Amino acid sequence: MKPFRKTAYTAFAFAAILFCRDTHGAIITFGSGGNTFDMTFVEIGSPNNADDTTGAPSPAGKVEYTYQMGKYEVSEDMIDKFNASQSLEITKDTRGTNKPATSVSWNEAARFVNWLNTSQGFQAAYNFTTAGVNDDIALWTSAEAWQLGGENLYRHRDAQYWLPSMDEWYKAAYYDPTDNTYYDFPNGSDAAPTAVSSGTADNTAVFDQSSGQGPADITQAGGLSPFGIMGLGGNVYEWEETSFDLNNSSGSSNRGIRGGNWRNDSSNLSSSIRFGGIPAFESSSNGFRVASLSSPATVPEPGSLAVWSLICVGGLCYRRRRARK
């Protein structure tokens, strides 16, 4: 439980796109023709917040820059429209168009994210050098790699969209910017949320359900985190960009997985639980969401407006508490 110190974020680049914005983020449209879909992003502010030392790994959660997090998990419909838009095909479960896309490997999720970038004229986030949809990535060079908050050889420095890193995911789930405090659960509390099968009520999450129940729709996956993100606790596990050992030193390294699913008890939703899996691992209880560069600080506006704007951009294992390298 630590306060944070706000510092100036000075790494800026600019790109003009049309988007729908409120004071909390953006709604971005991807695809073309009959294969379009929207993704809602929520701004994660409070840059240079302090680390948490009470969860797993320890420390965790410090992010030096403002970024955006997908408000919802990636849905089956989004993957279907990706598959219809290009030659690579991501395999997944088929529960319904608005269900979270599960049985998607880290490599497949990274392919999807690369397409989000390249379909809008941005640099691909991940360095695939072979054609297989489930092949591992290669590392970027130091000159190409993401540098904000430390060198990350998985992510290209010019990418607009990516899989959330361990710290980005942890902060979006467990940090409350109103009191500069980390909590044990993604409902802004050290007490577990109430278990539900579906819905949006405050202080609820989709867990403690029967196996046959399955996950809820991505927009019905429980109450929001303090930043306004749905489904970070329960519904389905989510991939982190970061390797399980936190080094990001090999494309074949296990990746972090966390958040719990609809079948779990509350402990798996907590900040002290983190799993890992090989990047080709697929599970019917594992999905993902997307993070992105932030829009600039906004003057308060009355509601959401469609505007032209300038965006400011810049095998399975288990762990409880382990120091980050």
C-alpha atoms as a PDB file:
ATOM      1  CA  MET A   1       0.000   0.000   0.000  1.00  0.00           C
ATOM      2  CA  LYS A   2       2.003   2.946  -1.225  1.00  0.00           C
ATOM      3  CA  PRO A   3       1.337   6.526  -2.359  1.00  0.00           C
ATOM      4  CA  PHE A   4       2.630   7.585  -5.740  1.00  0.00           C
ATOM      5  CA  ARG A   5       4.434  10.668  -6.968  1.00  0.00           C
ATOM      6  CA  LYS A   6       3.186  12.144 -10.217  1.00  0.00           C
ATOM      7  CA  THR A   7       5.872  13.170 -12.711  1.00  0.00           C
ATOM      8  CA  ALA A   8       5.694  14.711 -16.146  1.00  0.00           C
ATOM      9  CA  TYR A   9       5.358  12.312 -19.055  1.00  0.00           C
ATOM     10  CA  THR A  10       7.454  13.781 -21.839  1.00  0.00           C
ATOM     11  CA  ALA A  11       7.848  11.134 -24.556  1.00  0.00           C
ATOM     12  CA  PHE A  12       5.441  12.313 -27.244  1.00  0.00           C
ATOM     13  CA  ALA A  13       4.670  11.449 -30.865  1.00  0.00           C
ATOM     14  CA  PHE A  14       1.581  12.302 -32.838  1.00  0.00           C
ATOM     15  CA  ALA A  15      -0.883  10.650 -35.213  1.00  0.00           C
ATOM     16  CA  ALA A  16      -4.273  11.904 -36.374  1.00  0.00           C
ATOM     17  CA  ILE A  17      -7.229   9.501 -36.479  1.00  0.00           C
ATOM     18  CA  LEU A  18     -10.984   9.740 -36.128  1.00  0.00           C
ATOM     19  CA  PHE A  19     -12.272   8.408 -32.849  1.00  0.00           C
ATOM     20  CA  CYS A  20     -15.024   8.778 -30.278  1.00  0.00           C
ATOM     21  CA  ARG A  21     -13.649  10.094 -27.010  1.00  0.00           C
ATOM     22  CA  ASP A  22     -14.739  10.980 -23.524  1.00  0.00           C
ATOM     23  CA  THR A  23     -12.621  12.027 -20.574  1.00  0.00           C
ATOM     24  CA  HIS A  24     -11.707   8.389 -19.888  1.00  0.00           C
ATOM     25  CA  GLY A  25     -10.532   6.933 -23.192  1.00  0.00           C
ATOM     26  CA  ALA A  26     -11.593   6.123 -26.728  1.00  0.00           C
ATOM     27  CA  ILE A  27     -13.738   3.866 -28.894  1.00  0.00           C
ATOM     28  CA  ILE A  28     -11.774   2.660 -31.925  1.00  0.00           C
ATOM     29  CA  THR A  29     -13.245   0.919 -34.974  1.00  0.00           C
ATOM     30  CA  PHE A  30     -11.242  -1.848 -36.652  1.00  0.00           C
ATOM     31  CA  GLY A  31     -11.804  -3.831 -39.837  1.00  0.00           C
ATOM     32  CA  SER A  32     -13.698  -2.873 -42.971  1.00  0.00           C
ATOM     33  CA  GLY A  33     -16.930  -3.538 -44.807  1.00  0.00           C
ATOM     34  CA  GLY A  34     -19.066  -6.094 -43.014  1.00  0.00           C
ATOM     35  CA  ASN A  35     -16.193  -7.095 -40.759  1.00  0.00           C
ATOM     36  CA  THR A  36     -15.895  -4.048 -38.503  1.00  0.00           C
ATOM     37  CA  PHE A  37     -15.941  -4.001 -34.723  1.00  0.00           C
ATOM     38  CA  ASP A  38     -15.370  -1.453 -31.970  1.00  0.00           C
ATOM     39  CA  MET A  39     -12.966  -1.683 -29.049  1.00  0.00           C
ATOM     40  CA  THR A  40     -13.454   0.554 -26.003  1.00  0.00           C
ATOM     41  CA  PHE A  41     -10.313   1.762 -24.247  1.00  0.00           C
ATOM     42  CA  VAL A  42     -10.107   3.357 -20.802  1.00  0.00           C
ATOM     43  CA  GLU A  43      -7.317   5.711 -19.780  1.00  0.00           C
ATOM     44  CA  ILE A  44      -4.988   4.485 -17.034  1.00  0.00           C
ATOM     45  CA  GLY A  45      -3.467   7.629 -15.583  1.00  0.00           C
ATOM     46  CA  SER A  46      -1.464   8.400 -12.427  1.00  0.00           C
ATOM     47  CA  PRO A  47       1.900   7.918 -14.191  1.00  0.00           C
ATOM     48  CA  ASN A  48       4.947   7.011 -12.111  1.00  0.00           C
ATOM     49  CA  ASN A  49       2.801   5.506  -9.366  1.00  0.00           C
ATOM     50  CA  ALA A  50       4.647   3.517  -6.714  1.00  0.00           C
ATOM     51  CA  ASP A  51       5.120  -0.249  -6.925  1.00  0.00           C
ATOM     52  CA  ASP A  52       3.070  -2.663  -4.841  1.00  0.00           C
ATOM     53  CA  THR A  53       5.124  -5.036  -2.681  1.00  0.00           C
ATOM     54  CA  THR A  54       2.256  -7.129  -1.287  1.00  0.00           C
ATOM     55  CA  GLY A  55       1.300  -9.192  -4.353  1.00  0.00           C
ATOM     56  CA  ALA A  56       2.863 -11.440  -6.982  1.00  0.00           C
ATOM     57  CA  PRO A  57       5.332 -10.692  -8.296  1.00  0.00           C
ATOM     58  CA  SER A  58       6.830  -8.210  -5.874  1.00  0.00           C
ATOM     59  CA  PRO A  59       7.317  -5.411  -6.735  1.00  0.00           C
ATOM     60  CA  ALA A  60       4.573  -4.888  -9.323  1.00  0.00           C
ATOM     61  CA  GLY A  61       2.316  -2.215 -10.772  1.00  0.00           C
ATOM     62  CA  LYS A  62       4.528   0.811 -11.303  1.00  0.00           C
ATOM     63  CA  VAL A  63       3.995   2.337 -14.762  1.00  0.00           C
ATOM     64  CA  GLU A  64       5.857   5.528 -15.655  1.00  0.00           C
ATOM     65  CA  TYR A  65       3.487   6.623 -18.424  1.00  0.00           C
ATOM     66  CA  THR A  66      -0.219   7.055 -19.115  1.00  0.00           C
ATOM     67  CA  TYR A  67      -1.718   4.315 -21.303  1.00  0.00           C
ATOM     68  CA  GLN A  68      -5.095   2.810 -22.169  1.00  0.00           C
ATOM     69  CA  MET A  69      -6.570  -0.573 -21.345  1.00  0.00           C
ATOM     70  CA  GLY A  70      -9.331  -2.388 -23.173  1.00  0.00           C
ATOM     71  CA  LYS A  71     -12.473  -2.011 -21.056  1.00  0.00           C
ATOM     72  CA  TYR A  72     -13.568  -5.508 -22.064  1.00  0.00           C
ATOM     73  CA  GLU A  73     -11.918  -8.784 -22.979  1.00  0.00           C
ATOM     74  CA  VAL A  74     -11.531  -9.574 -26.673  1.00  0.00           C
ATOM     75  CA  SER A  75     -14.689 -11.287 -27.923  1.00  0.00           C
ATOM     76  CA  GLU A  76     -15.287 -14.184 -30.294  1.00  0.00           C
ATOM     77  CA  ASP A  77     -16.868 -11.746 -32.742  1.00  0.00           C
ATOM     78  CA  MET A  78     -13.648  -9.731 -32.912  1.00  0.00           C
ATOM     79  CA  ILE A  79     -11.643 -12.856 -33.693  1.00  0.00           C
ATOM     80  CA  ASP A  80     -14.184 -13.969 -36.316  1.00  0.00           C
ATOM     81  CA  LYS A  81     -13.836 -10.616 -38.070  1.00  0.00           C
ATOM     82  CA  PHE A  82     -10.054 -10.805 -37.864  1.00  0.00           C
ATOM     83  CA  ASN A  83     -10.192 -14.266 -39.443  1.00  0.00           C
ATOM     84  CA  ALA A  84     -12.409 -12.944 -42.246  1.00  0.00           C
ATOM     85  CA  SER A  85     -10.041 -10.047 -42.946  1.00  0.00           C
ATOM     86  CA  GLN A  86      -6.778 -11.825 -43.762  1.00  0.00           C
ATOM     87  CA  SER A  87      -5.223 -15.241 -44.432  1.00  0.00           C
ATOM     88  CA  LEU A  88      -4.140 -16.257 -40.922  1.00  0.00           C
ATOM     89  CA  GLU A  89      -6.849 -17.985 -38.905  1.00  0.00           C
ATOM     90  CA  ILE A  90      -6.958 -17.964 -35.122  1.00  0.00           C
ATOM     91  CA  THR A  91      -8.691 -20.982 -33.597  1.00  0.00           C
ATOM     92  CA  LYS A  92     -10.940 -20.479 -30.569  1.00  0.00           C
ATOM     93  CA  ASP A  93     -13.912 -21.854 -28.679  1.00  0.00           C
ATOM     94  CA  THR A  94     -17.422 -21.162 -30.019  1.00  0.00           C
ATOM     95  CA  ARG A  95     -19.745 -20.207 -27.168  1.00  0.00           C
ATOM     96  CA  GLY A  96     -21.239 -17.077 -28.755  1.00  0.00           C
ATOM     97  CA  THR A  97     -20.242 -13.869 -30.494  1.00  0.00           C
ATOM     98  CA  ASN A  98     -20.144 -11.759 -27.321  1.00  0.00           C
ATOM     99  CA  LYS A  99     -18.350 -14.343 -25.202  1.00  0.00           C
ATOM    100  CA  PRO A 100     -14.655 -13.826 -24.502  1.00  0.00           C
ATOM    101  CA  ALA A 101     -12.434 -15.495 -27.088  1.00  0.00           C
ATOM    102  CA  THR A 102     -10.855 -18.477 -25.322  1.00  0.00           C
ATOM    103  CA  SER A 103      -8.474 -21.267 -26.355  1.00  0.00           C
ATOM    104  CA  VAL A 104      -6.411 -18.499 -27.973  1.00  0.00           C
ATOM    105  CA  SER A 105      -2.673 -18.850 -27.427  1.00  0.00           C
ATOM    106  CA  TRP A 106      -0.337 -15.964 -26.598  1.00  0.00           C
ATOM    107  CA  ASN A 107       1.100 -16.218 -30.105  1.00  0.00           C
ATOM    108  CA  GLU A 108      -2.351 -16.021 -31.674  1.00  0.00           C
ATOM    109  CA  ALA A 109      -3.295 -13.067 -29.456  1.00  0.00           C
ATOM    110  CA  ALA A 110      -0.087 -11.325 -30.549  1.00  0.00           C
ATOM    111  CA  ARG A 111      -0.978 -11.947 -34.223  1.00  0.00           C
ATOM    112  CA  PHE A 112      -4.367 -10.319 -33.596  1.00  0.00           C
ATOM    113  CA  VAL A 113      -2.705  -7.317 -31.940  1.00  0.00           C
ATOM    114  CA  ASN A 114      -0.263  -6.952 -34.836  1.00  0.00           C
ATOM    115  CA  TRP A 115      -3.217  -6.788 -37.214  1.00  0.00           C
ATOM    116  CA  LEU A 116      -4.872  -4.089 -35.077  1.00  0.00           C
ATOM    117  CA  ASN A 117      -1.720  -2.057 -35.630  1.00  0.00           C
ATOM    118  CA  THR A 118      -1.010  -2.727 -39.290  1.00  0.00           C
ATOM    119  CA  SER A 119      -4.656  -2.424 -40.373  1.00  0.00           C
ATOM    120  CA  GLN A 120      -4.541   1.185 -39.148  1.00  0.00           C
ATOM    121  CA  GLY A 121      -1.113   2.012 -40.517  1.00  0.00           C
ATOM    122  CA  PHE A 122       0.884   1.497 -37.315  1.00  0.00           C
ATOM    123  CA  GLN A 123       3.991  -0.568 -36.646  1.00  0.00           C
ATOM    124  CA  ALA A 124       3.381  -4.203 -35.638  1.00  0.00           C
ATOM    125  CA  ALA A 125       4.022  -4.754 -31.933  1.00  0.00           C
ATOM    126  CA  TYR A 126       5.541  -8.256 -32.169  1.00  0.00           C
ATOM    127  CA  ASN A 127       8.337  -9.585 -34.363  1.00  0.00           C
ATOM    128  CA  PHE A 128       7.029 -12.673 -36.150  1.00  0.00           C
ATOM    129  CA  THR A 129       9.611 -13.918 -38.645  1.00  0.00           C
ATOM    130  CA  THR A 130       7.794 -17.123 -39.674  1.00  0.00           C
ATOM    131  CA  ALA A 131       4.323 -17.669 -41.104  1.00  0.00           C
ATOM    132  CA  GLY A 132       2.708 -20.115 -38.650  1.00  0.00           C
ATOM    133  CA  VAL A 133      -0.106 -18.565 -36.624  1.00  0.00           C
ATOM    134  CA  ASN A 134       1.218 -20.243 -33.473  1.00  0.00           C
ATOM    135  CA  ASP A 135       4.951 -19.735 -34.096  1.00  0.00           C
ATOM    136  CA  ASP A 136       6.971 -17.923 -31.429  1.00  0.00           C
ATOM    137  CA  ILE A 137       8.132 -14.352 -31.880  1.00  0.00           C
ATOM    138  CA  ALA A 138      11.705 -13.161 -32.321  1.00  0.00           C
ATOM    139  CA  LEU A 139      13.074 -10.373 -30.131  1.00  0.00           C
ATOM    140  CA  TRP A 140      13.393  -6.810 -31.350  1.00  0.00           C
ATOM    141  CA  THR A 141      16.794  -5.142 -31.200  1.00  0.00           C
ATOM    142  CA  SER A 142      17.446  -2.554 -28.508  1.00  0.00           C
ATOM    143  CA  ALA A 143      17.085   0.170 -31.132  1.00  0.00           C
ATOM    144  CA  GLU A 144      13.638  -1.172 -32.101  1.00  0.00           C
ATOM    145  CA  ALA A 145      12.358  -2.147 -28.649  1.00  0.00           C
ATOM    146  CA  TRP A 146       9.988  -0.345 -26.312  1.00  0.00           C
ATOM    147  CA  GLN A 147      11.969   1.755 -23.830  1.00  0.00           C
ATOM    148  CA  LEU A 148       9.429   3.585 -21.649  1.00  0.00           C
ATOM    149  CA  GLY A 149       9.796   2.233 -18.133  1.00  0.00           C
ATOM    150  CA  GLY A 150      12.688  -0.020 -19.163  1.00  0.00           C
ATOM    151  CA  GLU A 151      13.726  -1.989 -22.220  1.00  0.00           C
ATOM    152  CA  ASN A 152      11.128  -4.496 -23.440  1.00  0.00           C
ATOM    153  CA  LEU A 153      12.453  -6.617 -26.325  1.00  0.00           C
ATOM    154  CA  TYR A 154       9.025  -8.159 -26.955  1.00  0.00           C
ATOM    155  CA  ARG A 155       7.269  -4.884 -27.914  1.00  0.00           C
ATOM    156  CA  HIS A 156       8.230  -2.498 -30.726  1.00  0.00           C
ATOM    157  CA  ARG A 157       8.718   1.081 -29.628  1.00  0.00           C
ATOM    158  CA  ASP A 158       6.349   2.447 -32.316  1.00  0.00           C
ATOM    159  CA  ALA A 159       3.411   0.083 -31.736  1.00  0.00           C
ATOM    160  CA  GLN A 160       0.029   1.629 -30.961  1.00  0.00           C
ATOM    161  CA  TYR A 161      -1.627  -1.551 -29.593  1.00  0.00           C
ATOM    162  CA  TRP A 162      -0.181  -4.437 -27.582  1.00  0.00           C
ATOM    163  CA  LEU A 163      -0.906  -7.080 -24.966  1.00  0.00           C
ATOM    164  CA  PRO A 164      -0.711  -5.501 -21.496  1.00  0.00           C
ATOM    165  CA  SER A 165       2.537  -6.021 -19.630  1.00  0.00           C
ATOM    166  CA  MET A 166       2.609  -7.479 -16.140  1.00  0.00           C
ATOM    167  CA  ASP A 167       2.820  -3.999 -14.599  1.00  0.00           C
ATOM    168  CA  GLU A 168       0.182  -2.480 -16.897  1.00  0.00           C
ATOM    169  CA  TRP A 169      -2.276  -5.291 -16.160  1.00  0.00           C
ATOM    170  CA  TYR A 170      -1.556  -5.249 -12.410  1.00  0.00           C
ATOM    171  CA  LYS A 171      -2.026  -1.488 -12.129  1.00  0.00           C
ATOM    172  CA  ALA A 172      -5.290  -1.506 -14.112  1.00  0.00           C
ATOM    173  CA  ALA A 173      -6.658  -4.231 -11.839  1.00  0.00           C
ATOM    174  CA  TYR A 174      -5.456  -3.473  -8.318  1.00  0.00           C
ATOM    175  CA  TYR A 175      -4.498   0.222  -8.108  1.00  0.00           C
ATOM    176  CA  ASP A 176      -6.982   2.895  -7.033  1.00  0.00           C
ATOM    177  CA  PRO A 177      -5.907   6.344  -8.275  1.00  0.00           C
ATOM    178  CA  THR A 178      -8.319   8.162  -5.960  1.00  0.00           C
ATOM    179  CA  ASP A 179      -6.412   7.151  -2.834  1.00  0.00           C
ATOM    180  CA  ASN A 180      -3.104   6.004  -4.392  1.00  0.00           C
ATOM    181  CA  THR A 181      -3.541   2.539  -2.913  1.00  0.00           C
ATOM    182  CA  TYR A 182      -3.286  -1.045  -4.125  1.00  0.00           C
ATOM    183  CA  TYR A 183      -6.028  -3.471  -3.119  1.00  0.00           C
ATOM    184  CA  ASP A 184      -6.066  -7.257  -3.050  1.00  0.00           C
ATOM    185  CA  PHE A 185      -8.944  -7.599  -5.539  1.00  0.00           C
ATOM    186  CA  PRO A 186      -9.874  -5.714  -8.726  1.00  0.00           C
ATOM    187  CA  ASN A 187     -13.016  -4.254  -7.137  1.00  0.00           C
ATOM    188  CA  GLY A 188     -11.039  -1.664  -5.157  1.00  0.00           C
ATOM    189  CA  SER A 189     -11.196  -3.689  -1.952  1.00  0.00           C
ATOM    190  CA  ASP A 190      -9.171  -6.102   0.149  1.00  0.00           C
ATOM    191  CA  ALA A 191     -12.369  -8.166   0.424  1.00  0.00           C
ATOM    192  CA  ALA A 192     -13.358 -10.437  -2.445  1.00  0.00           C
ATOM    193  CA  PRO A 193     -16.224  -9.306  -4.695  1.00  0.00           C
ATOM    194  CA  THR A 194     -19.588 -11.060  -4.679  1.00  0.00           C
ATOM    195  CA  ALA A 195     -19.751 -14.037  -7.051  1.00  0.00           C
ATOM    196  CA  VAL A 196     -22.289 -13.780  -9.897  1.00  0.00           C
ATOM    197  CA  SER A 197     -22.865 -15.633 -13.163  1.00  0.00           C
ATOM    198  CA  SER A 198     -23.378 -12.403 -15.125  1.00  0.00           C
ATOM    199  CA  GLY A 199     -24.158  -8.718 -14.683  1.00  0.00           C
ATOM    200  CA  THR A 200     -22.595  -5.324 -14.095  1.00  0.00           C
ATOM    201  CA  ALA A 201     -23.385  -4.535 -10.453  1.00  0.00           C
ATOM    202  CA  ASP A 202     -20.662  -2.869  -8.416  1.00  0.00           C
ATOM    203  CA  ASN A 203     -18.482  -5.144  -6.303  1.00  0.00           C
ATOM    204  CA  THR A 204     -19.327  -8.298  -8.291  1.00  0.00           C
ATOM    205  CA  ALA A 205     -17.275 -10.647 -10.458  1.00  0.00           C
ATOM    206  CA  VAL A 206     -17.952 -13.825 -12.445  1.00  0.00           C
ATOM    207  CA  PHE A 207     -16.452 -16.666 -10.397  1.00  0.00           C
ATOM    208  CA  ASP A 208     -17.514 -19.597  -8.207  1.00  0.00           C
ATOM    209  CA  GLN A 209     -19.769 -20.918 -10.997  1.00  0.00           C
ATOM    210  CA  SER A 210     -20.156 -24.441 -12.340  1.00  0.00           C
ATOM    211  CA  SER A 211     -17.883 -25.576 -15.142  1.00  0.00           C
ATOM    212  CA  GLY A 212     -20.850 -25.878 -17.490  1.00  0.00           C
ATOM    213  CA  GLN A 213     -21.953 -22.307 -16.817  1.00  0.00           C
ATOM    214  CA  GLY A 214     -19.160 -20.864 -18.935  1.00  0.00           C
ATOM    215  CA  PRO A 215     -18.003 -17.249 -18.957  1.00  0.00           C
ATOM    216  CA  ALA A 216     -20.353 -14.281 -19.199  1.00  0.00           C
ATOM    217  CA  ASP A 217     -20.556 -11.941 -22.182  1.00  0.00           C
ATOM    218  CA  ILE A 218     -17.655  -9.503 -22.179  1.00  0.00           C
ATOM    219  CA  THR A 219     -19.969  -6.582 -21.278  1.00  0.00           C
ATOM    220  CA  GLN A 220     -21.652  -8.550 -18.461  1.00  0.00           C
ATOM    221  CA  ALA A 221     -18.525  -9.738 -16.646  1.00  0.00           C
ATOM    222  CA  GLY A 222     -19.156  -8.066 -13.278  1.00  0.00           C
ATOM    223  CA  GLY A 223     -18.420  -4.691 -11.734  1.00  0.00           C
ATOM    224  CA  LEU A 224     -15.597  -2.380 -12.746  1.00  0.00           C
ATOM    225  CA  SER A 225     -12.116  -1.880 -11.337  1.00  0.00           C
ATOM    226  CA  PRO A 226     -11.287   1.552  -9.839  1.00  0.00           C
ATOM    227  CA  PHE A 227     -10.101   2.664 -13.289  1.00  0.00           C
ATOM    228  CA  GLY A 228     -13.325   1.405 -14.914  1.00  0.00           C
ATOM    229  CA  ILE A 229     -12.218  -1.913 -16.447  1.00  0.00           C
ATOM    230  CA  MET A 230     -14.534  -4.959 -16.544  1.00  0.00           C
ATOM    231  CA  GLY A 231     -13.594  -8.603 -16.046  1.00  0.00           C
ATOM    232  CA  LEU A 232     -10.076  -8.257 -14.642  1.00  0.00           C
ATOM    233  CA  GLY A 233     -11.181 -10.612 -11.881  1.00  0.00           C
ATOM    234  CA  GLY A 234     -12.948 -13.810 -12.930  1.00  0.00           C
ATOM    235  CA  ASN A 235     -14.753 -14.642 -16.190  1.00  0.00           C
ATOM    236  CA  VAL A 236     -11.590 -15.861 -17.999  1.00  0.00           C
ATOM    237  CA  TYR A 237      -7.871 -15.762 -17.310  1.00  0.00           C
ATOM    238  CA  GLU A 238      -5.929 -13.252 -19.386  1.00  0.00           C
ATOM    239  CA  TRP A 239      -2.519 -13.270 -21.019  1.00  0.00           C
ATOM    240  CA  GLU A 240       0.129 -10.793 -19.979  1.00  0.00           C
ATOM    241  CA  GLU A 241       2.671  -9.673 -22.541  1.00  0.00           C
ATOM    242  CA  THR A 242       5.442 -10.254 -19.983  1.00  0.00           C
ATOM    243  CA  SER A 243       7.308 -13.525 -19.601  1.00  0.00           C
ATOM    244  CA  PHE A 244       6.682 -15.447 -16.397  1.00  0.00           C
ATOM    245  CA  ASP A 245      10.297 -14.908 -15.300  1.00  0.00           C
ATOM    246  CA  LEU A 246       9.860 -11.153 -16.011  1.00  0.00           C
ATOM    247  CA  ASN A 247      12.931 -11.032 -18.268  1.00  0.00           C
ATOM    248  CA  ASN A 248      11.350 -10.986 -21.767  1.00  0.00           C
ATOM    249  CA  SER A 249      14.581 -12.542 -23.005  1.00  0.00           C
ATOM    250  CA  SER A 250      13.252 -15.337 -25.249  1.00  0.00           C
ATOM    251  CA  GLY A 251      10.299 -15.703 -27.578  1.00  0.00           C
ATOM    252  CA  SER A 252       9.694 -19.216 -26.238  1.00  0.00           C
ATOM    253  CA  SER A 253       9.539 -18.210 -22.554  1.00  0.00           C
ATOM    254  CA  ASN A 254       6.397 -18.879 -20.544  1.00  0.00           C
ATOM    255  CA  ARG A 255       4.095 -15.859 -20.378  1.00  0.00           C
ATOM    256  CA  GLY A 256       2.170 -14.554 -17.390  1.00  0.00           C
ATOM    257  CA  ILE A 257      -1.506 -15.486 -16.976  1.00  0.00           C
ATOM    258  CA  ARG A 258      -3.743 -14.047 -14.270  1.00  0.00           C
ATOM    259  CA  GLY A 259      -7.170 -12.848 -13.143  1.00  0.00           C
ATOM    260  CA  GLY A 260      -9.045 -16.099 -12.474  1.00  0.00           C
ATOM    261  CA  ASN A 261     -12.009 -17.592 -14.324  1.00  0.00           C
ATOM    262  CA  TRP A 262     -15.693 -18.324 -13.793  1.00  0.00           C
ATOM    263  CA  ARG A 263     -14.968 -21.718 -12.157  1.00  0.00           C
ATOM    264  CA  ASN A 264     -12.397 -20.490  -9.603  1.00  0.00           C
ATOM    265  CA  ASP A 265     -12.835 -19.448  -6.013  1.00  0.00           C
ATOM    266  CA  SER A 266     -11.977 -15.879  -5.047  1.00  0.00           C
ATOM    267  CA  SER A 267      -8.301 -16.534  -4.282  1.00  0.00           C
ATOM    268  CA  ASN A 268      -7.442 -16.785  -7.983  1.00  0.00           C
ATOM    269  CA  LEU A 269      -8.765 -13.261  -8.547  1.00  0.00           C
ATOM    270  CA  SER A 270      -6.346 -11.777  -6.023  1.00  0.00           C
ATOM    271  CA  SER A 271      -3.134  -9.841  -6.569  1.00  0.00           C
ATOM    272  CA  SER A 272      -1.109 -12.637  -4.954  1.00  0.00           C
ATOM    273  CA  ILE A 273      -1.825 -15.239  -7.664  1.00  0.00           C
ATOM    274  CA  ARG A 274      -0.066 -15.379 -11.030  1.00  0.00           C
ATOM    275  CA  PHE A 275       0.280 -18.336 -13.377  1.00  0.00           C
ATOM    276  CA  GLY A 276       2.277 -18.887 -16.550  1.00  0.00           C
ATOM    277  CA  GLY A 277       2.090 -20.920 -19.735  1.00  0.00           C
ATOM    278  CA  ILE A 278       4.081 -21.488 -22.905  1.00  0.00           C
ATOM    279  CA  PRO A 279       3.149 -19.029 -25.682  1.00  0.00           C
ATOM    280  CA  ALA A 280       1.446 -21.808 -27.680  1.00  0.00           C
ATOM    281  CA  PHE A 281      -0.708 -22.828 -24.683  1.00  0.00           C
ATOM    282  CA  GLU A 282      -4.474 -22.835 -25.294  1.00  0.00           C
ATOM    283  CA  SER A 283      -7.180 -23.236 -22.662  1.00  0.00           C
ATOM    284  CA  SER A 284     -10.967 -22.944 -22.722  1.00  0.00           C
ATOM    285  CA  SER A 285     -10.720 -20.691 -19.652  1.00  0.00           C
ATOM    286  CA  ASN A 286      -8.001 -18.381 -20.987  1.00  0.00           C
ATOM    287  CA  GLY A 287      -8.523 -15.207 -23.046  1.00  0.00           C
ATOM    288  CA  PHE A 288      -6.929 -11.789 -23.401  1.00  0.00           C
ATOM    289  CA  ARG A 289      -7.448  -8.056 -23.743  1.00  0.00           C
ATOM    290  CA  VAL A 290      -5.587  -5.254 -25.536  1.00  0.00           C
ATOM    291  CA  ALA A 291      -3.749  -2.172 -24.260  1.00  0.00           C
ATOM    292  CA  SER A 292      -2.788   0.924 -26.223  1.00  0.00           C
ATOM    293  CA  LEU A 293      -1.044   4.255 -26.206  1.00  0.00           C
ATOM    294  CA  SER A 294      -2.887   7.024 -24.445  1.00  0.00           C
ATOM    295  CA  SER A 295      -4.750   9.971 -25.859  1.00  0.00           C
ATOM    296  CA  PRO A 296      -3.578  13.356 -24.569  1.00  0.00           C
ATOM    297  CA  ALA A 297      -4.959  14.905 -21.403  1.00  0.00           C
ATOM    298  CA  THR A 298      -8.416  16.194 -22.229  1.00  0.00           C
ATOM    299  CA  VAL A 299     -10.403  19.232 -21.226  1.00  0.00           C
ATOM    300  CA  PRO A 300     -13.605  17.952 -19.538  1.00  0.00           C
ATOM    301  CA  GLU A 301     -16.333  17.536 -22.118  1.00  0.00           C
ATOM    302  CA  PRO A 302     -20.097  17.014 -21.694  1.00  0.00           C
ATOM    303  CA  GLY A 303     -20.350  13.363 -22.683  1.00  0.00           C
ATOM    304  CA  SER A 304     -18.772  11.534 -25.606  1.00  0.00           C
ATOM    305  CA  LEU A 305     -18.234  13.249 -28.974  1.00  0.00           C
ATOM    306  CA  ALA A 306     -17.115  11.994 -32.366  1.00  0.00           C
ATOM    307  CA  VAL A 307     -14.183  14.289 -33.161  1.00  0.00           C
ATOM    308  CA  TRP A 308     -11.059  14.655 -35.279  1.00  0.00           C
ATOM    309  CA  SER A 309      -8.257  14.622 -32.788  1.00  0.00           C
ATOM    310  CA  LEU A 310      -4.525  14.337 -32.378  1.00  0.00           C
ATOM    311  CA  ILE A 311      -3.574  11.379 -30.245  1.00  0.00           C
ATOM    312  CA  CYS A 312      -0.455  11.629 -28.099  1.00  0.00           C
ATOM    313  CA  VAL A 313       1.446   8.333 -28.380  1.00  0.00           C
ATOM    314  CA  GLY A 314       4.646   7.468 -27.197  1.00  0.00           C
ATOM    315  CA  GLY A 315       3.305 -26.914 -20.012  1.00  0.00           C
ATOM    316  CA  LEU A 316       1.755 -24.523 -16.943  1.00  0.00           C
ATOM    317  CA  CYS A 317       3.500 -22.996 -13.901  1.00  0.00           C
ATOM    318  CA  TYR A 318       2.496 -21.164 -10.715  1.00  0.00           C
ATOM    319  CA  ARG A 319       3.900 -18.400  -8.581  1.00  0.00           C
ATOM    320  CA  ARG A 320       2.937 -16.517  -5.466  1.00  0.00           C
ATOM    321  CA  ARG A 321       5.478 -13.885  -4.392  1.00  0.00           C
ATOM    322  CA  ARG A 322       8.736 -13.550  -6.254  1.00  0.00           C
ATOM    323  CA  ALA A 323      10.993 -10.568  -6.710  1.00  0.00           C
ATOM    324  CA  ARG A 324      11.052  -8.953 -10.136  1.00  0.00           C
ATOM    325  CA  LYS A 325      14.420  -8.789 -11.867  1.00  0.00           C
END
